[in-house]
Full PDB file with SEQRES, HELIX, SHEET, SSBOND, CRYST1, ORIGX, SCALE, CONECT and MASTER records, all heavy atoms in Angstrom:
SEQRES   1 A   43  LEU SER THR ILE ILE VAL PRO ALA GLY THR PRO GLY PHE          
SEQRES   2 A   43  THR VAL ALA PRO GLY TYR SER LYS VAL GLY TRP THR ALA          
SEQRES   3 A   43  SER ASP THR HIS GLU LEU THR PHE ASP ASP CYS ARG VAL          
SEQRES   4 A   43  PRO ALA ALA ASN                                              
SHEET    1 AA1 2 PHE A  13  VAL A  15  0                                        
SHEET    2 AA1 2 LEU A  32  PHE A  34 -1                                        
CRYST1    1.000    1.000    1.000  90.00  90.00  90.00 P 1           1          
ORIGX1      1.000000  0.000000  0.000000        0.00000                         
ORIGX2      0.000000  1.000000  0.000000        0.00000                         
ORIGX3      0.000000  0.000000  1.000000        0.00000                         
SCALE1      1.000000  0.000000  0.000000        0.00000                         
SCALE2      0.000000  1.000000  0.000000        0.00000                         
SCALE3      0.000000  0.000000  1.000000        0.00000                         
ATOM      1  N   LEU A   1     215.089 203.143  14.816  1.00  0.00           N  
ATOM      2  CA  LEU A   1     215.444 202.590  13.538  1.00  0.00           C  
ATOM      3  C   LEU A   1     215.015 201.094  13.480  1.00  0.00           C  
ATOM      4  O   LEU A   1     215.185 200.392  14.446  1.00  0.00           O  
ATOM      5  CB  LEU A   1     216.930 202.664  13.266  1.00  0.00           C  
ATOM      6  CG  LEU A   1     217.459 204.057  13.082  1.00  0.00           C  
ATOM      7  CD1 LEU A   1     218.927 203.954  12.883  1.00  0.00           C  
ATOM      8  CD2 LEU A   1     216.835 204.678  11.845  1.00  0.00           C  
ATOM      9  N   SER A   2     214.331 200.744  12.445  1.00  0.00           N  
ATOM     10  CA  SER A   2     213.938 199.368  12.270  1.00  0.00           C  
ATOM     11  C   SER A   2     214.275 198.979  10.782  1.00  0.00           C  
ATOM     12  O   SER A   2     214.638 199.728   9.960  1.00  0.00           O  
ATOM     13  CB  SER A   2     212.377 199.317  12.363  1.00  0.00           C  
ATOM     14  OG  SER A   2     211.987 199.765  13.647  1.00  0.00           O  
ATOM     15  N   THR A   3     214.127 197.661  10.599  1.00  0.00           N  
ATOM     16  CA  THR A   3     214.419 197.092   9.336  1.00  0.00           C  
ATOM     17  C   THR A   3     213.175 196.478   8.677  1.00  0.00           C  
ATOM     18  O   THR A   3     212.486 195.744   9.368  1.00  0.00           O  
ATOM     19  CB  THR A   3     215.606 196.181   9.309  1.00  0.00           C  
ATOM     20  OG1 THR A   3     215.298 195.174  10.334  1.00  0.00           O  
ATOM     21  CG2 THR A   3     216.943 196.841   9.460  1.00  0.00           C  
ATOM     22  N   ILE A   4     212.943 196.645   7.375  1.00  0.00           N  
ATOM     23  CA  ILE A   4     211.656 196.279   6.831  1.00  0.00           C  
ATOM     24  C   ILE A   4     212.066 195.553   5.445  1.00  0.00           C  
ATOM     25  O   ILE A   4     212.868 196.128   4.644  1.00  0.00           O  
ATOM     26  CB  ILE A   4     210.715 197.392   6.607  1.00  0.00           C  
ATOM     27  CG1 ILE A   4     210.407 198.101   7.938  1.00  0.00           C  
ATOM     28  CG2 ILE A   4     209.478 197.009   5.871  1.00  0.00           C  
ATOM     29  CD1 ILE A   4     209.665 199.410   7.810  1.00  0.00           C  
ATOM     30  N   ILE A   5     211.387 194.505   5.182  1.00  0.00           N  
ATOM     31  CA  ILE A   5     211.534 193.761   3.887  1.00  0.00           C  
ATOM     32  C   ILE A   5     210.652 194.377   2.788  1.00  0.00           C  
ATOM     33  O   ILE A   5     209.444 194.480   2.977  1.00  0.00           O  
ATOM     34  CB  ILE A   5     211.175 192.296   4.097  1.00  0.00           C  
ATOM     35  CG1 ILE A   5     212.105 191.585   5.150  1.00  0.00           C  
ATOM     36  CG2 ILE A   5     211.247 191.574   2.709  1.00  0.00           C  
ATOM     37  CD1 ILE A   5     211.681 190.208   5.506  1.00  0.00           C  
ATOM     38  N   VAL A   6     211.249 194.711   1.663  1.00  0.00           N  
ATOM     39  CA  VAL A   6     210.543 195.277   0.594  1.00  0.00           C  
ATOM     40  C   VAL A   6     210.763 194.413  -0.639  1.00  0.00           C  
ATOM     41  O   VAL A   6     211.922 194.411  -1.194  1.00  0.00           O  
ATOM     42  CB  VAL A   6     211.011 196.782   0.222  1.00  0.00           C  
ATOM     43  CG1 VAL A   6     210.173 197.230  -0.920  1.00  0.00           C  
ATOM     44  CG2 VAL A   6     210.864 197.609   1.441  1.00  0.00           C  
ATOM     45  N   PRO A   7     209.725 193.663  -1.186  1.00  0.00           N  
ATOM     46  CA  PRO A   7     209.933 192.793  -2.280  1.00  0.00           C  
ATOM     47  C   PRO A   7     210.073 193.619  -3.521  1.00  0.00           C  
ATOM     48  O   PRO A   7     209.646 194.729  -3.649  1.00  0.00           O  
ATOM     49  CB  PRO A   7     208.503 192.062  -2.353  1.00  0.00           C  
ATOM     50  CG  PRO A   7     208.027 192.168  -1.006  1.00  0.00           C  
ATOM     51  CD  PRO A   7     208.382 193.498  -0.386  1.00  0.00           C  
ATOM     52  N   ALA A   8     210.900 193.048  -4.382  1.00  0.00           N  
ATOM     53  CA  ALA A   8     211.144 193.720  -5.636  1.00  0.00           C  
ATOM     54  C   ALA A   8     209.835 193.873  -6.438  1.00  0.00           C  
ATOM     55  O   ALA A   8     208.858 192.981  -6.385  1.00  0.00           O  
ATOM     56  CB  ALA A   8     212.055 192.807  -6.516  1.00  0.00           C  
ATOM     57  N   GLY A   9     209.633 194.969  -7.103  1.00  0.00           N  
ATOM     58  CA  GLY A   9     208.308 195.249  -7.873  1.00  0.00           C  
ATOM     59  C   GLY A   9     207.323 195.881  -7.096  1.00  0.00           C  
ATOM     60  O   GLY A   9     206.152 196.006  -7.678  1.00  0.00           O  
ATOM     61  N   THR A  10     207.481 196.141  -5.822  1.00  0.00           N  
ATOM     62  CA  THR A  10     206.415 196.729  -5.012  1.00  0.00           C  
ATOM     63  C   THR A  10     206.186 198.147  -5.504  1.00  0.00           C  
ATOM     64  O   THR A  10     207.126 198.952  -5.848  1.00  0.00           O  
ATOM     65  CB  THR A  10     206.922 196.868  -3.571  1.00  0.00           C  
ATOM     66  OG1 THR A  10     207.184 195.546  -2.950  1.00  0.00           O  
ATOM     67  CG2 THR A  10     205.890 197.462  -2.642  1.00  0.00           C  
ATOM     68  N   PRO A  11     204.898 198.530  -5.724  1.00  0.00           N  
ATOM     69  CA  PRO A  11     204.629 199.945  -6.148  1.00  0.00           C  
ATOM     70  C   PRO A  11     205.245 200.951  -5.253  1.00  0.00           C  
ATOM     71  O   PRO A  11     205.223 200.876  -4.075  1.00  0.00           O  
ATOM     72  CB  PRO A  11     203.092 199.978  -6.199  1.00  0.00           C  
ATOM     73  CG  PRO A  11     202.670 198.554  -6.324  1.00  0.00           C  
ATOM     74  CD  PRO A  11     203.735 197.731  -5.589  1.00  0.00           C  
ATOM     75  N   GLY A  12     205.872 201.966  -5.870  1.00  0.00           N  
ATOM     76  CA  GLY A  12     206.487 202.969  -5.116  1.00  0.00           C  
ATOM     77  C   GLY A  12     207.970 202.765  -4.812  1.00  0.00           C  
ATOM     78  O   GLY A  12     208.723 203.625  -4.343  1.00  0.00           O  
ATOM     79  N   PHE A  13     208.427 201.528  -5.085  1.00  0.00           N  
ATOM     80  CA  PHE A  13     209.843 201.098  -5.073  1.00  0.00           C  
ATOM     81  C   PHE A  13     210.535 201.247  -6.420  1.00  0.00           C  
ATOM     82  O   PHE A  13     210.203 200.454  -7.241  1.00  0.00           O  
ATOM     83  CB  PHE A  13     209.899 199.745  -4.383  1.00  0.00           C  
ATOM     84  CG  PHE A  13     211.303 199.176  -4.356  1.00  0.00           C  
ATOM     85  CD1 PHE A  13     212.454 199.947  -4.308  1.00  0.00           C  
ATOM     86  CD2 PHE A  13     211.573 197.703  -4.406  1.00  0.00           C  
ATOM     87  CE1 PHE A  13     213.738 199.344  -4.312  1.00  0.00           C  
ATOM     88  CE2 PHE A  13     212.778 197.229  -4.409  1.00  0.00           C  
ATOM     89  CZ  PHE A  13     213.836 197.945  -4.232  1.00  0.00           C  
ATOM     90  N   THR A  14     211.410 202.195  -6.549  1.00  0.00           N  
ATOM     91  CA  THR A  14     212.093 202.429  -7.854  1.00  0.00           C  
ATOM     92  C   THR A  14     213.573 202.115  -7.762  1.00  0.00           C  
ATOM     93  O   THR A  14     214.229 202.663  -6.864  1.00  0.00           O  
ATOM     94  CB  THR A  14     211.853 203.859  -8.394  1.00  0.00           C  
ATOM     95  OG1 THR A  14     210.467 204.151  -8.400  1.00  0.00           O  
ATOM     96  CG2 THR A  14     212.469 204.021  -9.745  1.00  0.00           C  
ATOM     97  N   VAL A  15     214.081 201.307  -8.754  1.00  0.00           N  
ATOM     98  CA  VAL A  15     215.457 201.028  -8.878  1.00  0.00           C  
ATOM     99  C   VAL A  15     216.035 201.929  -9.993  1.00  0.00           C  
ATOM    100  O   VAL A  15     215.587 201.786 -11.120  1.00  0.00           O  
ATOM    101  CB  VAL A  15     215.763 199.534  -9.094  1.00  0.00           C  
ATOM    102  CG1 VAL A  15     217.197 199.272  -9.251  1.00  0.00           C  
ATOM    103  CG2 VAL A  15     215.148 198.701  -8.111  1.00  0.00           C  
ATOM    104  N   ALA A  16     216.927 202.820  -9.638  1.00  0.00           N  
ATOM    105  CA  ALA A  16     217.610 203.733 -10.691  1.00  0.00           C  
ATOM    106  C   ALA A  16     218.523 202.919 -11.568  1.00  0.00           C  
ATOM    107  O   ALA A  16     218.945 201.805 -11.239  1.00  0.00           O  
ATOM    108  CB  ALA A  16     218.302 204.818  -9.909  1.00  0.00           C  
ATOM    109  N   PRO A  17     218.901 203.476 -12.726  1.00  0.00           N  
ATOM    110  CA  PRO A  17     219.846 202.797 -13.627  1.00  0.00           C  
ATOM    111  C   PRO A  17     221.120 202.512 -12.794  1.00  0.00           C  
ATOM    112  O   PRO A  17     221.440 203.189 -11.942  1.00  0.00           O  
ATOM    113  CB  PRO A  17     220.038 203.739 -14.748  1.00  0.00           C  
ATOM    114  CG  PRO A  17     218.711 204.617 -14.774  1.00  0.00           C  
ATOM    115  CD  PRO A  17     218.326 204.604 -13.341  1.00  0.00           C  
ATOM    116  N   GLY A  18     221.866 201.506 -13.261  1.00  0.00           N  
ATOM    117  CA  GLY A  18     223.135 201.174 -12.598  1.00  0.00           C  
ATOM    118  C   GLY A  18     224.142 202.251 -12.574  1.00  0.00           C  
ATOM    119  O   GLY A  18     224.079 203.114 -13.599  1.00  0.00           O  
ATOM    120  N   TYR A  19     224.990 202.401 -11.620  1.00  0.00           N  
ATOM    121  CA  TYR A  19     226.011 203.342 -11.603  1.00  0.00           C  
ATOM    122  C   TYR A  19     227.156 203.081 -12.653  1.00  0.00           C  
ATOM    123  O   TYR A  19     227.376 201.899 -12.958  1.00  0.00           O  
ATOM    124  CB  TYR A  19     226.685 203.384 -10.208  1.00  0.00           C  
ATOM    125  CG  TYR A  19     225.888 203.840  -9.026  1.00  0.00           C  
ATOM    126  CD1 TYR A  19     225.279 203.005  -8.197  1.00  0.00           C  
ATOM    127  CD2 TYR A  19     225.737 205.217  -8.850  1.00  0.00           C  
ATOM    128  CE1 TYR A  19     224.577 203.391  -7.097  1.00  0.00           C  
ATOM    129  CE2 TYR A  19     225.013 205.644  -7.737  1.00  0.00           C  
ATOM    130  CZ  TYR A  19     224.320 204.758  -6.875  1.00  0.00           C  
ATOM    131  OH  TYR A  19     223.674 205.171  -5.799  1.00  0.00           O  
ATOM    132  N   SER A  20     227.732 204.105 -13.169  1.00  0.00           N  
ATOM    133  CA  SER A  20     228.961 203.989 -13.835  1.00  0.00           C  
ATOM    134  C   SER A  20     230.117 203.986 -12.903  1.00  0.00           C  
ATOM    135  O   SER A  20     230.474 205.027 -12.272  1.00  0.00           O  
ATOM    136  CB  SER A  20     229.097 205.158 -14.883  1.00  0.00           C  
ATOM    137  OG  SER A  20     230.218 205.054 -15.627  1.00  0.00           O  
ATOM    138  N   LYS A  21     230.749 202.848 -12.730  1.00  0.00           N  
ATOM    139  CA  LYS A  21     231.746 202.623 -11.618  1.00  0.00           C  
ATOM    140  C   LYS A  21     233.163 202.473 -12.187  1.00  0.00           C  
ATOM    141  O   LYS A  21     233.315 202.110 -13.276  1.00  0.00           O  
ATOM    142  CB  LYS A  21     231.420 201.424 -10.786  1.00  0.00           C  
ATOM    143  CG  LYS A  21     230.046 201.549 -10.085  1.00  0.00           C  
ATOM    144  CD  LYS A  21     229.727 200.157  -9.424  1.00  0.00           C  
ATOM    145  CE  LYS A  21     229.467 198.981 -10.341  1.00  0.00           C  
ATOM    146  NZ  LYS A  21     228.974 197.843  -9.644  1.00  0.00           N  
ATOM    147  N   VAL A  22     234.099 202.886 -11.285  1.00  0.00           N  
ATOM    148  CA  VAL A  22     235.442 202.709 -11.588  1.00  0.00           C  
ATOM    149  C   VAL A  22     235.869 201.225 -11.618  1.00  0.00           C  
ATOM    150  O   VAL A  22     236.608 200.751 -12.545  1.00  0.00           O  
ATOM    151  CB  VAL A  22     236.389 203.499 -10.559  1.00  0.00           C  
ATOM    152  CG1 VAL A  22     237.902 203.066 -10.740  1.00  0.00           C  
ATOM    153  CG2 VAL A  22     236.161 204.975 -10.683  1.00  0.00           C  
ATOM    154  N   GLY A  23     235.336 200.438 -10.626  1.00  0.00           N  
ATOM    155  CA  GLY A  23     235.775 199.040 -10.605  1.00  0.00           C  
ATOM    156  C   GLY A  23     234.370 198.333 -10.316  1.00  0.00           C  
ATOM    157  O   GLY A  23     233.306 198.856 -10.254  1.00  0.00           O  
ATOM    158  N   TRP A  24     234.584 197.039 -10.062  1.00  0.00           N  
ATOM    159  CA  TRP A  24     233.482 196.074  -9.752  1.00  0.00           C  
ATOM    160  C   TRP A  24     232.344 196.240 -10.813  1.00  0.00           C  
ATOM    161  O   TRP A  24     231.171 196.254 -10.526  1.00  0.00           O  
ATOM    162  CB  TRP A  24     232.755 196.333  -8.386  1.00  0.00           C  
ATOM    163  CG  TRP A  24     233.634 195.907  -7.205  1.00  0.00           C  
ATOM    164  CD1 TRP A  24     234.699 195.210  -7.180  1.00  0.00           C  
ATOM    165  CD2 TRP A  24     233.243 196.018  -5.795  1.00  0.00           C  
ATOM    166  NE1 TRP A  24     235.185 194.876  -5.893  1.00  0.00           N  
ATOM    167  CE2 TRP A  24     234.267 195.421  -4.993  1.00  0.00           C  
ATOM    168  CE3 TRP A  24     232.145 196.556  -5.133  1.00  0.00           C  
ATOM    169  CZ2 TRP A  24     234.191 195.312  -3.632  1.00  0.00           C  
ATOM    170  CZ3 TRP A  24     232.090 196.559  -3.830  1.00  0.00           C  
ATOM    171  CH2 TRP A  24     233.116 195.931  -3.069  1.00  0.00           C  
ATOM    172  N   THR A  25     232.713 196.442 -12.041  1.00  0.00           N  
ATOM    173  CA  THR A  25     231.883 196.797 -13.021  1.00  0.00           C  
ATOM    174  C   THR A  25     230.954 195.588 -13.519  1.00  0.00           C  
ATOM    175  O   THR A  25     229.933 195.880 -14.214  1.00  0.00           O  
ATOM    176  CB  THR A  25     232.577 197.358 -14.343  1.00  0.00           C  
ATOM    177  OG1 THR A  25     233.451 196.440 -14.819  1.00  0.00           O  
ATOM    178  CG2 THR A  25     233.304 198.587 -13.897  1.00  0.00           C  
ATOM    179  N   ALA A  26     231.236 194.459 -13.207  1.00  0.00           N  
ATOM    180  CA  ALA A  26     230.376 193.258 -13.451  1.00  0.00           C  
ATOM    181  C   ALA A  26     229.442 192.895 -12.252  1.00  0.00           C  
ATOM    182  O   ALA A  26     228.817 191.870 -12.353  1.00  0.00           O  
ATOM    183  CB  ALA A  26     231.192 192.034 -13.875  1.00  0.00           C  
ATOM    184  N   SER A  27     229.427 193.798 -11.332  1.00  0.00           N  
ATOM    185  CA  SER A  27     228.469 193.512 -10.206  1.00  0.00           C  
ATOM    186  C   SER A  27     227.332 194.580 -10.329  1.00  0.00           C  
ATOM    187  O   SER A  27     227.459 195.495 -11.075  1.00  0.00           O  
ATOM    188  CB  SER A  27     229.190 193.731  -8.819  1.00  0.00           C  
ATOM    189  OG  SER A  27     229.563 195.160  -8.549  1.00  0.00           O  
ATOM    190  N   ASP A  28     226.401 194.408  -9.506  1.00  0.00           N  
ATOM    191  CA  ASP A  28     225.154 195.133  -9.722  1.00  0.00           C  
ATOM    192  C   ASP A  28     224.961 196.192  -8.621  1.00  0.00           C  
ATOM    193  O   ASP A  28     224.918 195.703  -7.440  1.00  0.00           O  
ATOM    194  CB  ASP A  28     224.012 194.172  -9.696  1.00  0.00           C  
ATOM    195  CG  ASP A  28     222.583 194.982  -9.875  1.00  0.00           C  
ATOM    196  OD1 ASP A  28     222.211 195.298 -10.992  1.00  0.00           O  
ATOM    197  OD2 ASP A  28     221.874 195.045  -8.843  1.00  0.00           O  
ATOM    198  N   THR A  29     224.897 197.469  -8.853  1.00  0.00           N  
ATOM    199  CA  THR A  29     224.756 198.444  -7.899  1.00  0.00           C  
ATOM    200  C   THR A  29     223.940 199.616  -8.272  1.00  0.00           C  
ATOM    201  O   THR A  29     223.965 200.091  -9.427  1.00  0.00           O  
ATOM    202  CB  THR A  29     226.236 198.977  -7.574  1.00  0.00           C  
ATOM    203  OG1 THR A  29     227.178 198.061  -7.559  1.00  0.00           O  
ATOM    204  CG2 THR A  29     226.239 199.764  -6.226  1.00  0.00           C  
ATOM    205  N   HIS A  30     222.878 199.948  -7.411  1.00  0.00           N  
ATOM    206  CA  HIS A  30     221.898 201.054  -7.819  1.00  0.00           C  
ATOM    207  C   HIS A  30     221.607 201.904  -6.582  1.00  0.00           C  
ATOM    208  O   HIS A  30     221.820 201.533  -5.487  1.00  0.00           O  
ATOM    209  CB  HIS A  30     220.605 200.306  -8.259  1.00  0.00           C  
ATOM    210  CG  HIS A  30     220.750 199.437  -9.348  1.00  0.00           C  
ATOM    211  ND1 HIS A  30     220.549 199.717 -10.705  1.00  0.00           N  
ATOM    212  CD2 HIS A  30     221.135 198.147  -9.482  1.00  0.00           C  
ATOM    213  CE1 HIS A  30     220.772 198.819 -11.456  1.00  0.00           C  
ATOM    214  NE2 HIS A  30     221.115 197.772 -10.752  1.00  0.00           N  
ATOM    215  N   GLU A  31     221.099 203.053  -6.954  1.00  0.00           N  
ATOM    216  CA  GLU A  31     220.299 203.826  -6.012  1.00  0.00           C  
ATOM    217  C   GLU A  31     218.854 203.437  -5.975  1.00  0.00           C  
ATOM    218  O   GLU A  31     218.366 203.155  -7.112  1.00  0.00           O  
ATOM    219  CB  GLU A  31     220.457 205.375  -6.372  1.00  0.00           C  
ATOM    220  CG  GLU A  31     219.787 206.290  -5.372  1.00  0.00           C  
ATOM    221  CD  GLU A  31     220.031 207.786  -5.552  1.00  0.00           C  
ATOM    222  OE1 GLU A  31     220.916 208.057  -6.522  1.00  0.00           O  
ATOM    223  OE2 GLU A  31     219.402 208.601  -4.935  1.00  0.00           O  
ATOM    224  N   LEU A  32     218.318 203.437  -4.833  1.00  0.00           N  
ATOM    225  CA  LEU A  32     216.880 203.083  -4.682  1.00  0.00           C  
ATOM    226  C   LEU A  32     216.016 204.181  -4.082  1.00  0.00           C  
ATOM    227  O   LEU A  32     216.578 204.979  -3.302  1.00  0.00           O  
ATOM    228  CB  LEU A  32     216.713 201.840  -3.685  1.00  0.00           C  
ATOM    229  CG  LEU A  32     217.719 200.660  -3.873  1.00  0.00           C  
ATOM    230  CD1 LEU A  32     217.522 199.661  -2.878  1.00  0.00           C  
ATOM    231  CD2 LEU A  32     217.506 200.181  -5.315  1.00  0.00           C  
ATOM    232  N   THR A  33     214.805 204.374  -4.556  1.00  0.00           N  
ATOM    233  CA  THR A  33     213.928 205.315  -3.968  1.00  0.00           C  
ATOM    234  C   THR A  33     212.697 204.714  -3.646  1.00  0.00           C  
ATOM    235  O   THR A  33     212.166 203.782  -4.251  1.00  0.00           O  
ATOM    236  CB  THR A  33     213.679 206.497  -4.966  1.00  0.00           C  
ATOM    237  OG1 THR A  33     213.054 206.032  -6.152  1.00  0.00           O  
ATOM    238  CG2 THR A  33     214.934 207.289  -5.313  1.00  0.00           C  
ATOM    239  N   PHE A  34     212.024 205.281  -2.508  1.00  0.00           N  
ATOM    240  CA  PHE A  34     210.767 204.800  -2.006  1.00  0.00           C  
ATOM    241  C   PHE A  34     209.829 205.928  -1.916  1.00  0.00           C  
ATOM    242  O   PHE A  34     210.056 206.882  -1.210  1.00  0.00           O  
ATOM    243  CB  PHE A  34     210.922 204.123  -0.657  1.00  0.00           C  
ATOM    244  CG  PHE A  34     211.937 203.060  -0.670  1.00  0.00           C  
ATOM    245  CD1 PHE A  34     213.280 203.256  -0.467  1.00  0.00           C  
ATOM    246  CD2 PHE A  34     211.590 201.671  -0.920  1.00  0.00           C  
ATOM    247  CE1 PHE A  34     214.307 202.303  -0.454  1.00  0.00           C  
ATOM    248  CE2 PHE A  34     212.555 200.651  -1.043  1.00  0.00           C  
ATOM    249  CZ  PHE A  34     213.886 200.964  -0.763  1.00  0.00           C  
ATOM    250  N   ASP A  35     208.746 205.903  -2.633  1.00  0.00           N  
ATOM    251  CA  ASP A  35     207.712 206.962  -2.638  1.00  0.00           C  
ATOM    252  C   ASP A  35     206.342 206.347  -2.261  1.00  0.00           C  
ATOM    253  O   ASP A  35     205.669 205.815  -3.073  1.00  0.00           O  
ATOM    254  CB  ASP A  35     207.692 207.595  -4.084  1.00  0.00           C  
ATOM    255  CG  ASP A  35     206.858 208.869  -4.186  1.00  0.00           C  
ATOM    256  OD1 ASP A  35     206.305 209.320  -3.211  1.00  0.00           O  
ATOM    257  OD2 ASP A  35     206.544 209.224  -5.301  1.00  0.00           O  
ATOM    258  N   ASP A  36     206.041 206.580  -1.096  1.00  0.00           N  
ATOM    259  CA  ASP A  36     204.776 206.111  -0.476  1.00  0.00           C  
ATOM    260  C   ASP A  36     204.657 204.551  -0.875  1.00  0.00           C  
ATOM    261  O   ASP A  36     203.673 204.054  -1.252  1.00  0.00           O  
ATOM    262  CB  ASP A  36     203.616 206.758  -1.041  1.00  0.00           C  
ATOM    263  CG  ASP A  36     203.358 208.206  -0.419  1.00  0.00           C  
ATOM    264  OD1 ASP A  36     203.850 208.370   0.623  1.00  0.00           O  
ATOM    265  OD2 ASP A  36     202.706 208.941  -1.056  1.00  0.00           O  
ATOM    266  N   CYS A  37     205.838 203.847  -0.661  1.00  0.00           N  
ATOM    267  CA  CYS A  37     205.889 202.478  -0.929  1.00  0.00           C  
ATOM    268  C   CYS A  37     205.234 201.698   0.251  1.00  0.00           C  
ATOM    269  O   CYS A  37     205.637 201.825   1.438  1.00  0.00           O  
ATOM    270  CB  CYS A  37     207.338 202.055  -1.053  1.00  0.00           C  
ATOM    271  SG  CYS A  37     207.703 200.334  -1.307  1.00  0.00           S  
ATOM    272  N   ARG A  38     204.261 200.867  -0.064  1.00  0.00           N  
ATOM    273  CA  ARG A  38     203.583 200.179   0.989  1.00  0.00           C  
ATOM    274  C   ARG A  38     203.826 198.682   1.036  1.00  0.00           C  
ATOM    275  O   ARG A  38     203.860 198.035   0.018  1.00  0.00           O  
ATOM    276  CB  ARG A  38     202.076 200.344   0.781  1.00  0.00           C  
ATOM    277  CG  ARG A  38     201.542 201.780   1.026  1.00  0.00           C  
ATOM    278  CD  ARG A  38     200.009 201.899   0.789  1.00  0.00           C  
ATOM    279  NE  ARG A  38     199.551 203.189   1.147  1.00  0.00           N  
ATOM    280  CZ  ARG A  38     199.048 203.511   2.321  1.00  0.00           C  
ATOM    281  NH1 ARG A  38     198.871 202.542   3.215  1.00  0.00           N  
ATOM    282  NH2 ARG A  38     198.680 204.707   2.580  1.00  0.00           N  
ATOM    283  N   VAL A  39     204.153 198.200   2.220  1.00  0.00           N  
ATOM    284  CA  VAL A  39     204.383 196.753   2.316  1.00  0.00           C  
ATOM    285  C   VAL A  39     203.677 196.329   3.628  1.00  0.00           C  
ATOM    286  O   VAL A  39     203.361 197.186   4.604  1.00  0.00           O  
ATOM    287  CB  VAL A  39     205.864 196.416   2.549  1.00  0.00           C  
ATOM    288  CG1 VAL A  39     206.608 196.730   1.230  1.00  0.00           C  
ATOM    289  CG2 VAL A  39     206.530 197.076   3.719  1.00  0.00           C  
ATOM    290  N   PRO A  40     203.336 195.104   3.704  1.00  0.00           N  
ATOM    291  CA  PRO A  40     202.614 194.610   5.025  1.00  0.00           C  
ATOM    292  C   PRO A  40     203.399 194.935   6.305  1.00  0.00           C  
ATOM    293  O   PRO A  40     204.567 194.878   6.297  1.00  0.00           O  
ATOM    294  CB  PRO A  40     202.384 193.085   4.764  1.00  0.00           C  
ATOM    295  CG  PRO A  40     202.456 192.931   3.241  1.00  0.00           C  
ATOM    296  CD  PRO A  40     203.409 193.951   2.882  1.00  0.00           C  
ATOM    297  N   ALA A  41     202.636 195.152   7.383  1.00  0.00           N  
ATOM    298  CA  ALA A  41     203.209 195.348   8.712  1.00  0.00           C  
ATOM    299  C   ALA A  41     204.062 194.104   8.998  1.00  0.00           C  
ATOM    300  O   ALA A  41     205.046 194.254   9.740  1.00  0.00           O  
ATOM    301  CB  ALA A  41     202.231 195.566   9.687  1.00  0.00           C  
ATOM    302  N   ALA A  42     203.661 192.891   8.555  1.00  0.00           N  
ATOM    303  CA  ALA A  42     204.341 191.783   8.848  1.00  0.00           C  
ATOM    304  C   ALA A  42     205.751 191.607   8.252  1.00  0.00           C  
ATOM    305  O   ALA A  42     206.668 190.754   8.593  1.00  0.00           O  
ATOM    306  CB  ALA A  42     203.613 190.498   8.441  1.00  0.00           C  
ATOM    307  N   ASN A  43     206.109 192.664   7.343  1.00  0.00           N  
ATOM    308  CA  ASN A  43     207.440 192.715   6.708  1.00  0.00           C  
ATOM    309  C   ASN A  43     208.530 193.294   7.569  1.00  0.00           C  
ATOM    310  O   ASN A  43     209.665 193.380   7.261  1.00  0.00           O  
ATOM    311  CB  ASN A  43     207.356 193.394   5.361  1.00  0.00           C  
ATOM    312  CG  ASN A  43     206.730 192.607   4.268  1.00  0.00           C  
ATOM    313  OD1 ASN A  43     205.971 191.690   4.520  1.00  0.00           O  
ATOM    314  ND2 ASN A  43     207.062 192.912   3.115  1.00  0.00           N  
TER     315      ASN A  43                                                      
MASTER        0    0    0    0    2    0    0    6  314    1    0    4          
END                                                                             
């Protein structure tokens, strides 16, 4: 397992609409998908 930095707006990186939550409704929470999302090896 490794960790990799993915900048916002990277092609293949999709942010789903925000969840409908019971609480913390003024905070930002999403599901994220990565579909052949490419970032530099240096990330």
